[in-house]
C-alpha atoms as a PDB file:
ATOM      1  CA  MET A   1     107.245 138.994  92.206  1.00  0.00           C
ATOM      2  CA  SER A   2     104.008 141.093  93.282  1.00  0.00           C
ATOM      3  CA  ARG A   3     101.048 140.683  91.301  1.00  0.00           C
ATOM      4  CA  THR A   4      98.220 143.064  91.338  1.00  0.00           C
ATOM      5  CA  LYS A   5      94.682 141.826  91.813  1.00  0.00           C
ATOM      6  CA  ASP A   6      93.098 144.705  90.089  1.00  0.00           C
ATOM      7  CA  PHE A   7      93.818 145.542  86.573  1.00  0.00           C
ATOM      8  CA  TRP A   8      92.601 146.469  83.082  1.00  0.00           C
ATOM      9  CA  ILE A   9      93.513 144.830  79.700  1.00  0.00           C
ATOM     10  CA  SER A  10      92.813 147.337  76.861  1.00  0.00           C
ATOM     11  CA  ASN A  11      93.537 147.447  73.268  1.00  0.00           C
ATOM     12  CA  ALA A  12      92.358 144.229  72.340  1.00  0.00           C
ATOM     13  CA  ILE A  13      89.570 142.403  70.299  1.00  0.00           C
ATOM     14  CA  PHE A  14      87.543 140.790  72.734  1.00  0.00           C
ATOM     15  CA  VAL A  15      85.538 137.738  71.295  1.00  0.00           C
ATOM     16  CA  THR A  16      82.730 136.643  73.705  1.00  0.00           C
ATOM     17  CA  MET A  17      80.461 133.544  73.398  1.00  0.00           C
ATOM     18  CA  ASP A  18      77.668 135.872  72.457  1.00  0.00           C
ATOM     19  CA  ASP A  19      77.743 136.069  68.390  1.00  0.00           C
ATOM     20  CA  LYS A  20      76.671 139.635  68.754  1.00  0.00           C
ATOM     21  CA  ARG A  21      79.225 140.923  71.102  1.00  0.00           C
ATOM     22  CA  THR A  22      82.764 141.168  69.750  1.00  0.00           C
ATOM     23  CA  ILE A  23      84.367 144.371  71.019  1.00  0.00           C
ATOM     24  CA  THR A  24      87.162 145.821  68.973  1.00  0.00           C
ATOM     25  CA  ARG A  25      89.820 147.740  70.979  1.00  0.00           C
ATOM     26  CA  GLY A  26      87.867 147.257  74.106  1.00  0.00           C
ATOM     27  CA  ALA A  27      88.747 147.066  77.883  1.00  0.00           C
ATOM     28  CA  LEU A  28      88.417 144.268  80.271  1.00  0.00           C
ATOM     29  CA  HIS A  29      88.546 144.668  84.044  1.00  0.00           C
ATOM     30  CA  VAL A  30      89.697 141.933  86.256  1.00  0.00           C
ATOM     31  CA  GLU A  31      89.359 141.977  90.033  1.00  0.00           C
ATOM     32  CA  ASN A  32      90.661 139.408  92.417  1.00  0.00           C
ATOM     33  CA  GLY A  33      91.012 137.048  89.618  1.00  0.00           C
ATOM     34  CA  LYS A  34      87.536 137.452  88.140  1.00  0.00           C
ATOM     35  CA  ILE A  35      86.325 139.349  85.163  1.00  0.00           C
ATOM     36  CA  THR A  36      84.164 142.215  86.550  1.00  0.00           C
ATOM     37  CA  GLU A  37      83.602 144.494  83.454  1.00  0.00           C
ATOM     38  CA  LEU A  38      83.844 144.311  79.795  1.00  0.00           C
ATOM     39  CA  ARG A  39      83.462 147.560  77.921  1.00  0.00           C
ATOM     40  CA  PRO A  40      84.031 149.282  74.443  1.00  0.00           C
ATOM     41  CA  SER A  41      86.935 151.484  75.930  1.00  0.00           C
ATOM     42  CA  LEU A  42      88.603 152.213  79.049  1.00  0.00           C
ATOM     43  CA  PRO A  43      86.903 154.415  81.704  1.00  0.00           C
ATOM     44  CA  LYS A  44      87.120 157.932  81.626  1.00  0.00           C
ATOM     45  CA  GLY A  45      90.551 159.102  83.101  1.00  0.00           C
ATOM     46  CA  LEU A  46      92.392 155.961  82.663  1.00  0.00           C
ATOM     47  CA  THR A  47      94.856 155.702  79.516  1.00  0.00           C
ATOM     48  CA  LEU A  48      97.331 152.799  78.422  1.00  0.00           C
ATOM     49  CA  LYS A  49      99.924 154.756  80.341  1.00  0.00           C
ATOM     50  CA  ASN A  50      98.381 154.171  83.787  1.00  0.00           C
ATOM     51  CA  LYS A  51      99.701 151.685  86.335  1.00  0.00           C
ATOM     52  CA  GLY A  52      97.363 148.631  86.299  1.00  0.00           C
ATOM     53  CA  VAL A  53      96.611 148.909  82.525  1.00  0.00           C
ATOM     54  CA  ILE A  54      97.971 146.297  80.134  1.00  0.00           C
ATOM     55  CA  ASP A  55      98.127 147.187  76.499  1.00  0.00           C
ATOM     56  CA  ALA A  56      97.041 143.892  74.515  1.00  0.00           C
ATOM     57  CA  GLY A  57      98.573 145.433  71.285  1.00  0.00           C
ATOM     58  CA  GLY A  58      95.526 144.508  69.302  1.00  0.00           C
ATOM     59  CA  ALA A  59      95.604 140.654  70.361  1.00  0.00           C
ATOM     60  CA  PHE A  60      92.370 138.459  70.388  1.00  0.00           C
ATOM     61  CA  ILE A  61      91.296 137.674  73.935  1.00  0.00           C
ATOM     62  CA  LEU A  62      88.391 135.200  74.509  1.00  0.00           C
ATOM     63  CA  PRO A  63      87.237 136.003  78.090  1.00  0.00           C
ATOM     64  CA  GLY A  64      85.116 133.329  79.965  1.00  0.00           C
ATOM     65  CA  PHE A  65      86.136 130.228  78.244  1.00  0.00           C
ATOM     66  CA  ILE A  66      87.570 128.784  81.658  1.00  0.00           C
ATOM     67  CA  GLN A  67      85.881 129.043  84.988  1.00  0.00           C
END
């Protein structure tokens, strides 16, 4: 099975270690196994139907807890 090294996870509630930074229905970018970006929405031109975009279905994601 081939795995992509560059993808987005969207439609999730991202809870960070920063109390002031919980993003609802945000988007997280992963490149070569590392988080490169966390933003309030997908970049312009990308949708949940694009290849390389994973729909988290509103799940909670806690990025950065494991190095």
